Each structure stands twice: as structure tokens, then as C-alpha cells.
N, C-alpha and C. Protein backbone atom coordinates (compact mmCIF):
# COMPACT_ATOMS: atom_id res chain seq x y z
N MET A 1 122.33 159.83 55.02
CA MET A 1 123.49 159.69 55.68
C MET A 1 123.12 159.18 57.11
N LYS A 2 123.75 158.19 57.60
CA LYS A 2 123.44 157.81 59.06
C LYS A 2 124.34 158.67 59.89
N GLN A 3 123.65 159.31 60.74
CA GLN A 3 124.42 160.38 61.76
C GLN A 3 124.02 159.97 63.19
N VAL A 4 125.22 160.03 64.00
CA VAL A 4 125.07 159.91 65.51
C VAL A 4 125.47 161.28 66.13
N VAL A 5 124.82 161.53 67.09
CA VAL A 5 125.03 162.76 67.74
C VAL A 5 125.49 162.42 69.29
N VAL A 6 126.63 162.96 69.80
CA VAL A 6 127.14 162.68 71.01
C VAL A 6 126.97 164.29 71.75
N ARG A 7 126.05 164.39 72.74
CA ARG A 7 125.77 165.68 73.20
C ARG A 7 126.14 165.81 74.78
N GLU A 8 126.89 166.94 74.85
CA GLU A 8 127.35 167.25 76.22
C GLU A 8 126.76 168.70 76.55
N CYS A 9 126.50 169.41 75.35
CA CYS A 9 126.07 170.60 75.38
C CYS A 9 125.44 171.07 74.02
N GLY A 10 124.80 172.14 73.82
CA GLY A 10 124.21 172.50 72.52
C GLY A 10 122.73 171.79 72.56
N ASP A 11 121.80 172.54 72.17
CA ASP A 11 120.37 172.04 72.04
C ASP A 11 119.99 171.91 70.66
N PHE A 12 120.78 171.80 69.75
CA PHE A 12 120.34 171.79 68.28
C PHE A 12 119.57 170.58 68.07
N ASP A 13 118.41 170.58 67.21
CA ASP A 13 117.75 169.62 66.89
C ASP A 13 118.21 169.00 65.50
N LEU A 14 119.09 167.99 65.64
CA LEU A 14 119.73 167.45 64.40
C LEU A 14 119.16 166.17 64.02
N PRO A 15 118.89 165.86 62.72
CA PRO A 15 118.43 164.60 62.43
C PRO A 15 119.54 163.60 62.61
N CYS A 16 119.13 162.48 63.36
CA CYS A 16 120.24 161.42 63.58
C CYS A 16 119.44 160.03 63.96
N GLY A 17 120.34 158.93 63.72
CA GLY A 17 119.77 157.80 64.00
C GLY A 17 119.91 157.45 65.41
N TYR A 18 120.86 158.04 66.04
CA TYR A 18 121.10 157.62 67.56
C TYR A 18 121.79 158.92 68.18
N GLU A 19 121.32 159.27 69.41
CA GLU A 19 121.98 160.28 70.14
C GLU A 19 122.28 159.74 71.48
N LEU A 20 123.58 160.10 71.95
CA LEU A 20 123.94 159.76 73.22
C LEU A 20 124.21 161.24 74.03
N ASP A 21 123.41 161.30 75.14
CA ASP A 21 123.69 162.65 75.96
C ASP A 21 124.36 162.11 77.17
N VAL A 22 125.49 162.66 77.22
CA VAL A 22 126.50 162.13 78.29
C VAL A 22 126.12 162.82 79.60
N ASN A 23 125.27 163.83 79.54
CA ASN A 23 124.75 164.40 80.64
C ASN A 23 123.54 163.64 81.36
N LYS A 24 122.85 162.85 80.63
CA LYS A 24 121.77 162.12 81.11
C LYS A 24 122.23 160.66 81.32
N THR A 25 123.26 160.23 80.61
CA THR A 25 123.65 158.81 80.70
C THR A 25 124.89 158.65 81.65
N GLU A 26 124.70 157.83 82.56
CA GLU A 26 125.91 157.60 83.48
C GLU A 26 126.87 156.72 82.72
N LEU A 27 127.94 157.27 82.34
CA LEU A 27 128.93 156.25 81.77
C LEU A 27 129.81 155.61 82.72
N LYS A 28 129.96 154.27 82.74
CA LYS A 28 130.81 153.61 83.59
C LYS A 28 132.19 153.84 83.14
N ASP A 29 133.20 153.89 84.09
CA ASP A 29 134.54 154.04 83.57
C ASP A 29 135.08 152.67 83.16
N CYS A 30 136.07 152.85 82.31
CA CYS A 30 136.88 151.62 81.88
C CYS A 30 137.37 150.94 83.01
N LEU A 31 137.47 149.67 83.21
CA LEU A 31 138.09 149.05 84.30
C LEU A 31 139.56 148.58 83.95
N GLY A 32 139.90 148.63 82.72
CA GLY A 32 141.14 148.22 82.25
C GLY A 32 141.33 146.68 82.35
N CYS A 33 140.12 145.89 82.33
CA CYS A 33 140.21 144.43 82.64
C CYS A 33 140.52 143.60 81.29
N TRP A 34 140.59 144.29 80.21
CA TRP A 34 140.85 143.65 78.79
C TRP A 34 139.85 142.70 78.52
N SER A 35 138.82 142.53 79.11
CA SER A 35 137.68 141.66 78.64
C SER A 35 137.33 141.88 77.25
N CYS A 36 137.27 143.24 77.04
CA CYS A 36 136.78 143.56 75.59
C CYS A 36 137.58 142.93 74.63
N TRP A 37 138.86 142.67 74.98
CA TRP A 37 139.83 141.97 73.98
C TRP A 37 139.90 140.49 74.18
N LEU A 38 139.90 139.92 75.28
CA LEU A 38 140.16 138.69 75.70
C LEU A 38 138.91 137.72 76.00
N LYS A 39 138.03 138.18 76.80
CA LYS A 39 136.82 137.30 77.13
C LYS A 39 135.69 137.50 76.27
N THR A 40 135.43 138.85 75.92
CA THR A 40 134.14 139.05 75.11
C THR A 40 134.62 140.05 73.92
N PRO A 41 135.38 139.51 72.95
CA PRO A 41 135.90 140.33 72.00
C PRO A 41 134.99 141.35 71.43
N GLY A 42 135.32 142.56 71.46
CA GLY A 42 134.49 143.62 70.88
C GLY A 42 133.25 144.16 71.75
N ARG A 43 133.16 143.59 72.97
CA ARG A 43 132.11 143.85 73.87
C ARG A 43 132.76 144.28 75.16
N CYS A 44 132.19 145.34 75.88
CA CYS A 44 132.64 145.81 77.06
C CYS A 44 132.00 145.01 78.12
N VAL A 45 132.49 144.75 79.36
CA VAL A 45 131.81 144.15 80.39
C VAL A 45 130.61 144.96 80.89
N HIS A 46 130.74 146.32 80.62
CA HIS A 46 129.58 147.24 81.01
C HIS A 46 128.85 147.19 79.86
N SER A 47 127.42 147.14 79.88
CA SER A 47 126.51 147.05 78.89
C SER A 47 125.90 148.52 78.58
N ASP A 48 126.43 149.64 79.16
CA ASP A 48 125.82 150.88 79.10
C ASP A 48 126.03 151.43 77.65
N LEU A 49 126.90 151.10 76.94
CA LEU A 49 127.19 151.56 75.54
C LEU A 49 127.00 150.59 74.54
N ASN A 50 126.41 149.59 74.71
CA ASN A 50 126.01 148.58 73.67
C ASN A 50 125.34 149.20 72.45
N GLU A 51 124.27 150.01 72.62
CA GLU A 51 123.60 150.64 71.50
C GLU A 51 124.38 151.61 70.93
N PHE A 52 125.14 152.32 71.58
CA PHE A 52 126.07 153.41 71.08
C PHE A 52 126.95 152.78 70.14
N TYR A 53 127.67 151.53 70.42
CA TYR A 53 128.70 150.95 69.74
C TYR A 53 128.12 150.61 68.34
N LYS A 54 126.97 150.09 68.44
CA LYS A 54 126.23 149.57 67.03
C LYS A 54 126.03 150.84 66.22
N ALA A 55 125.51 151.85 66.77
CA ALA A 55 125.08 153.13 66.06
C ALA A 55 126.46 153.84 65.61
N TYR A 56 127.41 153.74 66.28
CA TYR A 56 128.70 154.47 65.88
C TYR A 56 129.30 153.74 64.71
N LEU A 57 129.32 152.42 64.76
CA LEU A 57 129.94 151.61 63.69
C LEU A 57 129.05 151.72 62.39
N ALA A 58 127.72 151.90 62.59
CA ALA A 58 127.00 152.05 61.32
C ALA A 58 126.71 153.43 60.97
N ALA A 59 127.26 154.31 61.58
CA ALA A 59 127.13 155.78 61.13
C ALA A 59 128.24 156.21 60.06
N ASP A 60 127.73 157.21 59.26
CA ASP A 60 128.75 157.86 58.28
C ASP A 60 129.46 158.95 59.07
N LYS A 61 128.71 159.53 59.90
CA LYS A 61 129.24 160.69 60.66
C LYS A 61 128.70 160.73 62.12
N VAL A 62 129.72 161.27 62.89
CA VAL A 62 129.30 161.44 64.40
C VAL A 62 129.67 162.86 64.65
N VAL A 63 128.75 163.53 65.18
CA VAL A 63 128.86 165.00 65.62
C VAL A 63 128.98 165.03 67.22
N ILE A 64 129.94 165.59 67.75
CA ILE A 64 130.18 165.61 69.17
C ILE A 64 130.06 167.04 69.57
N PHE A 65 129.08 167.26 70.42
CA PHE A 65 128.96 168.76 71.19
C PHE A 65 129.67 168.62 72.49
N SER A 66 130.83 169.13 72.76
CA SER A 66 131.63 168.82 73.86
C SER A 66 131.78 170.11 74.74
N LYS A 67 131.81 169.94 76.04
CA LYS A 67 132.23 171.01 76.95
C LYS A 67 133.71 171.05 77.20
N VAL A 68 134.24 172.25 77.23
CA VAL A 68 135.53 172.36 77.71
C VAL A 68 135.45 172.46 79.19
N SER A 69 136.27 171.63 79.85
CA SER A 69 136.47 171.66 81.48
C SER A 69 137.79 171.76 81.76
N HIS A 70 138.06 172.96 82.48
CA HIS A 70 139.42 173.27 82.96
C HIS A 70 140.53 173.24 81.73
N GLY A 71 140.00 173.64 80.56
CA GLY A 71 140.82 173.85 79.49
C GLY A 71 141.00 172.61 78.71
N PHE A 72 140.32 171.54 78.99
CA PHE A 72 140.45 170.35 78.24
C PHE A 72 139.06 169.53 78.03
N VAL A 73 139.21 168.28 77.56
CA VAL A 73 137.89 167.60 77.49
C VAL A 73 137.37 167.31 78.90
N SER A 74 136.08 167.09 78.92
CA SER A 74 135.53 166.86 80.26
C SER A 74 135.66 165.43 80.69
N GLY A 75 135.59 165.15 81.91
CA GLY A 75 135.69 163.81 82.35
C GLY A 75 134.65 162.75 81.55
N ASN A 76 133.42 163.22 81.37
CA ASN A 76 132.54 162.45 80.62
C ASN A 76 133.04 162.01 79.15
N LEU A 77 133.42 163.02 78.59
CA LEU A 77 133.93 162.72 77.13
C LEU A 77 135.21 161.85 77.12
N LYS A 78 136.01 162.07 78.10
CA LYS A 78 137.35 161.17 78.25
C LYS A 78 136.92 159.75 78.60
N THR A 79 135.89 159.55 79.46
CA THR A 79 135.50 158.23 79.62
C THR A 79 134.84 157.65 78.38
N LEU A 80 134.09 158.39 77.61
CA LEU A 80 133.57 157.83 76.38
C LEU A 80 134.67 157.46 75.43
N PHE A 81 135.73 158.20 75.38
CA PHE A 81 136.83 157.91 74.53
C PHE A 81 137.51 156.62 74.92
N ASP A 82 137.81 156.50 76.24
CA ASP A 82 138.39 155.34 76.80
C ASP A 82 137.45 154.09 76.53
N ARG A 83 136.25 154.26 76.50
CA ARG A 83 135.38 153.06 76.32
C ARG A 83 135.18 152.74 74.94
N ILE A 84 135.72 153.42 74.01
CA ILE A 84 135.68 153.17 72.59
C ILE A 84 136.64 152.03 72.29
N ILE A 85 137.52 151.77 73.09
CA ILE A 85 138.67 150.84 72.90
C ILE A 85 138.16 149.36 72.38
N PRO A 86 136.93 148.94 72.75
CA PRO A 86 136.64 147.57 72.27
C PRO A 86 136.47 147.46 70.79
N LEU A 87 136.25 148.63 70.14
CA LEU A 87 136.05 148.76 68.62
C LEU A 87 137.35 148.45 67.87
N TYR A 88 138.41 148.18 68.55
CA TYR A 88 139.80 147.93 67.98
C TYR A 88 140.38 146.61 68.53
N LEU A 89 141.29 146.14 67.81
CA LEU A 89 142.00 144.81 68.30
C LEU A 89 143.07 145.17 69.33
N PRO A 90 143.44 144.19 70.25
CA PRO A 90 144.55 144.43 71.14
C PRO A 90 145.88 144.42 70.48
N TYR A 91 146.00 144.04 69.28
CA TYR A 91 147.33 143.92 68.59
C TYR A 91 147.77 145.31 68.03
N LEU A 92 149.13 145.48 67.94
CA LEU A 92 149.55 146.62 67.51
C LEU A 92 150.13 146.65 66.23
N THR A 93 150.07 147.70 65.49
CA THR A 93 150.75 148.01 64.27
C THR A 93 151.53 149.13 64.38
N PHE A 94 152.62 149.47 63.52
CA PHE A 94 153.31 150.78 63.49
C PHE A 94 152.95 151.45 62.22
N LYS A 95 152.28 152.70 62.50
CA LYS A 95 151.81 153.56 61.42
C LYS A 95 152.47 154.86 61.68
N SER A 96 153.07 155.46 60.66
CA SER A 96 153.76 156.75 60.82
C SER A 96 154.69 156.91 61.89
N GLY A 97 155.38 155.80 62.16
CA GLY A 97 156.59 155.73 63.31
C GLY A 97 155.95 155.64 64.64
N GLU A 98 154.60 155.27 64.73
CA GLU A 98 154.13 155.10 66.13
C GLU A 98 153.28 153.83 66.29
N SER A 99 153.08 153.37 67.41
CA SER A 99 152.25 152.18 67.64
C SER A 99 150.81 152.64 67.66
N MET A 100 149.86 151.69 66.98
CA MET A 100 148.38 151.98 66.98
C MET A 100 147.82 150.58 67.16
N HIS A 101 146.65 150.48 67.71
CA HIS A 101 145.76 149.40 67.72
C HIS A 101 145.45 149.09 66.30
N ILE A 102 145.24 147.96 66.03
CA ILE A 102 144.82 147.46 64.63
C ILE A 102 143.16 147.63 64.74
N PRO A 103 142.63 148.11 63.58
CA PRO A 103 141.08 148.27 63.52
C PRO A 103 140.46 146.84 63.58
N ARG A 104 139.28 146.83 64.35
CA ARG A 104 138.52 145.52 64.32
C ARG A 104 137.56 145.57 63.21
N TYR A 105 137.28 146.69 62.71
CA TYR A 105 136.29 146.83 61.69
C TYR A 105 136.82 147.37 60.38
N GLN A 106 136.09 147.38 59.14
CA GLN A 106 136.65 147.82 58.01
C GLN A 106 136.59 149.41 57.85
N SER A 107 135.65 149.90 58.60
CA SER A 107 135.46 151.40 58.45
C SER A 107 134.97 151.95 59.69
N TYR A 108 135.28 153.20 59.88
CA TYR A 108 134.84 154.05 61.14
C TYR A 108 134.27 155.43 60.62
N PRO A 109 133.35 155.88 61.45
CA PRO A 109 132.61 157.17 60.91
C PRO A 109 133.64 158.38 60.98
N GLU A 110 133.26 159.37 59.95
CA GLU A 110 133.88 160.69 60.03
C GLU A 110 133.28 161.31 61.36
N VAL A 111 134.11 162.12 61.94
CA VAL A 111 133.87 162.89 63.16
C VAL A 111 133.87 164.39 63.10
N GLU A 112 133.06 165.05 63.59
CA GLU A 112 133.13 166.42 63.80
C GLU A 112 132.90 166.95 65.32
N VAL A 113 133.63 167.84 65.74
CA VAL A 113 133.64 168.24 67.09
C VAL A 113 133.43 169.66 67.34
N TYR A 114 132.41 170.10 67.93
CA TYR A 114 132.14 171.51 68.37
C TYR A 114 132.12 171.62 69.79
N TYR A 115 132.94 172.54 70.37
CA TYR A 115 132.93 172.56 71.80
C TYR A 115 132.64 173.98 72.36
N GLU A 116 132.21 173.95 73.64
CA GLU A 116 131.72 175.19 74.32
C GLU A 116 132.68 175.39 75.52
N GLY A 117 133.13 176.49 75.73
CA GLY A 117 133.84 176.79 76.80
C GLY A 117 135.04 177.66 76.60
N GLU A 118 135.79 178.09 77.47
CA GLU A 118 136.94 179.08 77.44
C GLU A 118 138.20 178.32 77.73
N PHE A 119 139.26 178.92 77.13
CA PHE A 119 140.67 178.48 77.25
C PHE A 119 141.44 179.72 77.95
N SER A 120 142.40 179.43 78.78
CA SER A 120 143.18 180.32 79.37
C SER A 120 144.06 181.04 78.51
N THR A 121 144.67 180.25 77.56
CA THR A 121 145.50 180.77 76.61
C THR A 121 145.33 180.16 75.18
N PRO A 122 145.80 180.78 74.21
CA PRO A 122 145.65 180.15 72.88
C PRO A 122 146.43 178.89 72.78
N GLU A 123 147.37 178.68 73.55
CA GLU A 123 148.11 177.27 73.67
C GLU A 123 147.39 176.24 74.16
N ASP A 124 146.55 176.63 75.15
CA ASP A 124 145.45 175.57 75.66
C ASP A 124 144.46 175.21 74.71
N GLN A 125 144.08 176.15 73.79
CA GLN A 125 142.98 175.79 72.73
C GLN A 125 143.70 175.00 71.62
N THR A 126 144.98 175.22 71.37
CA THR A 126 145.68 174.54 70.34
C THR A 126 145.87 173.05 70.88
N LEU A 127 146.25 172.88 72.10
CA LEU A 127 146.37 171.50 72.89
C LEU A 127 145.07 170.85 72.77
N TYR A 128 144.01 171.47 72.91
CA TYR A 128 142.82 170.75 72.98
C TYR A 128 142.36 170.30 71.51
N VAL A 129 142.65 171.08 70.68
CA VAL A 129 142.31 170.83 69.23
C VAL A 129 143.10 169.72 68.61
N GLU A 130 144.54 169.72 68.96
CA GLU A 130 145.38 168.58 68.61
C GLU A 130 144.97 167.28 69.29
N TYR A 131 144.78 167.36 70.49
CA TYR A 131 144.16 166.21 71.23
C TYR A 131 143.09 165.55 70.51
N ILE A 132 142.17 166.30 70.20
CA ILE A 132 141.06 165.77 69.56
C ILE A 132 141.33 164.87 68.23
N HIS A 133 142.15 165.75 67.42
CA HIS A 133 142.62 165.22 66.20
C HIS A 133 143.37 163.99 66.40
N ARG A 134 144.23 163.84 67.44
CA ARG A 134 145.05 162.60 67.75
C ARG A 134 144.03 161.52 68.14
N VAL A 135 143.06 161.72 68.97
CA VAL A 135 142.21 160.71 69.36
C VAL A 135 141.50 160.17 68.20
N PHE A 136 141.12 160.92 67.28
CA PHE A 136 140.45 160.22 66.17
C PHE A 136 141.25 159.80 65.08
N TYR A 137 142.40 160.17 64.99
CA TYR A 137 143.55 159.55 64.10
C TYR A 137 143.75 158.09 64.70
N GLN A 138 144.04 158.04 66.06
CA GLN A 138 144.24 156.79 66.56
C GLN A 138 143.06 155.77 66.47
N PHE A 139 141.76 156.38 66.39
CA PHE A 139 140.39 155.68 66.09
C PHE A 139 140.12 155.49 64.62
N TYR A 140 141.08 155.68 63.83
CA TYR A 140 140.98 155.53 62.30
C TYR A 140 139.74 156.28 61.79
N SER A 141 139.31 157.29 62.31
CA SER A 141 138.38 158.23 61.79
C SER A 141 138.84 159.57 61.36
N THR A 142 138.24 160.19 60.22
CA THR A 142 138.62 161.43 59.74
C THR A 142 137.86 162.41 60.69
N CYS A 143 138.74 163.27 61.10
CA CYS A 143 138.17 164.29 62.03
C CYS A 143 138.81 165.66 61.46
N LYS A 144 137.99 166.41 60.47
CA LYS A 144 138.57 167.67 59.94
C LYS A 144 137.89 168.85 60.62
N VAL A 145 137.04 168.60 61.56
CA VAL A 145 136.39 169.86 62.17
C VAL A 145 136.61 169.58 63.67
N VAL A 146 137.21 170.66 64.28
CA VAL A 146 137.19 170.84 65.68
C VAL A 146 136.98 172.33 65.86
N LYS A 147 135.93 172.81 66.17
CA LYS A 147 135.68 174.07 66.16
C LYS A 147 134.85 174.60 67.42
N PRO A 148 134.68 175.84 67.75
CA PRO A 148 133.81 176.31 68.81
C PRO A 148 132.40 176.08 68.39
N LEU A 149 131.54 175.91 69.35
CA LEU A 149 130.11 175.64 69.12
C LEU A 149 129.40 176.73 68.32
N SER A 150 129.95 177.99 68.65
CA SER A 150 129.41 179.09 67.84
C SER A 150 129.60 179.11 66.33
N GLU A 151 130.55 178.17 65.86
CA GLU A 151 130.80 177.92 64.49
C GLU A 151 130.09 176.79 63.78
N PHE A 152 129.14 176.19 64.67
CA PHE A 152 128.39 175.11 64.06
C PHE A 152 127.60 175.66 62.93
N PRO A 153 127.53 175.03 61.69
CA PRO A 153 126.78 175.64 60.61
C PRO A 153 125.40 175.95 60.82
N VAL A 154 124.88 177.09 60.46
CA VAL A 154 123.63 177.50 60.60
C VAL A 154 122.59 176.53 59.93
N GLU A 155 122.84 176.15 58.67
CA GLU A 155 121.85 175.26 57.94
C GLU A 155 121.75 173.94 58.62
N GLU A 156 122.73 173.58 59.36
CA GLU A 156 122.57 172.22 60.16
C GLU A 156 121.71 172.40 61.40
N ARG A 157 121.86 173.56 61.97
CA ARG A 157 121.09 173.95 63.20
C ARG A 157 119.63 173.79 62.89
N LEU A 158 119.18 174.06 61.80
CA LEU A 158 117.91 174.12 61.57
C LEU A 158 117.30 172.64 61.39
N GLY A 159 118.13 171.65 61.26
CA GLY A 159 117.83 170.34 61.04
C GLY A 159 117.21 170.07 59.68
């Protein structure tokens, strides 16, 4: 199984073909320039995620270790989500009564998210979990796991 790890926390030694540590990689913000759709289809004007895009598309599974920041996803993770948009077409379709970008590729990886941090209320935690599910639904990925980091499976922690 080809696996990609996106790390913002957690020091598990997982077997993977590619790891993106968003604490060590300075992610540039999306400019909203549409170049990834119009001028260089499928490629961002920033080249900082070129290897990530290739690994992400080739992966069967992406495991994300996320920090909760002020009860929501961190700025680094939100930037990464924004920057995944080149992997989709600018055209829209209506699926389940809502508009969505059309996928550029035939398949996208399954995603698991494990988070570290506290929520002020149970409603904040529910909002976080629902947001993650919605993001990956929009990204045409299956995301069945959004759990606290403490629930990461022990057998996978051992690598």
C-alpha cells in the first residue's frame, strides 16, 4: 500500500512513500490566481508542493496528524487544503444538491485524520470532525476516520 503522511504533530514512525511535515515546510498561501486551472492546468504557480501532489495522487492512503488550533484546523493545514485545489478542474457539477468541482483524476486516496488538542465544547469537536469529513467529501476521498491522536491504532504506531 502506498501511503503518504502529513505531519503537524505525532512522532510515529510510519512506513510511507512520502512525508510532508508542515512544521518544517513553509507552505505558501494560495494566491487565488486561478493559474492552476487556466495557465498551468493541474500545477500551482508555487512549486513547494509539487512532490506532495505526485505522492498524494499515487497514494492509496493519506494519514494526517493534525493540531487543533483555537478549536479548529490550524492555519498550516487550512493552507494545505486550499492548495489541493489544482487537483480538480475549475468546472462545477451538482452532486447531492450542491456544487462541487469536477475531479481532474480518476481516483483520490483514502484519508485518515488524527488530531491533537482540546475543544471548548463538544459542539466544537463535532464541528471540527464534520468540517474534515466535508473537505474530503469535496476532494472525492473517503475519510472514515477523524479521531483524537490517542486513538491512533497501536499496531500502526509500531510501523
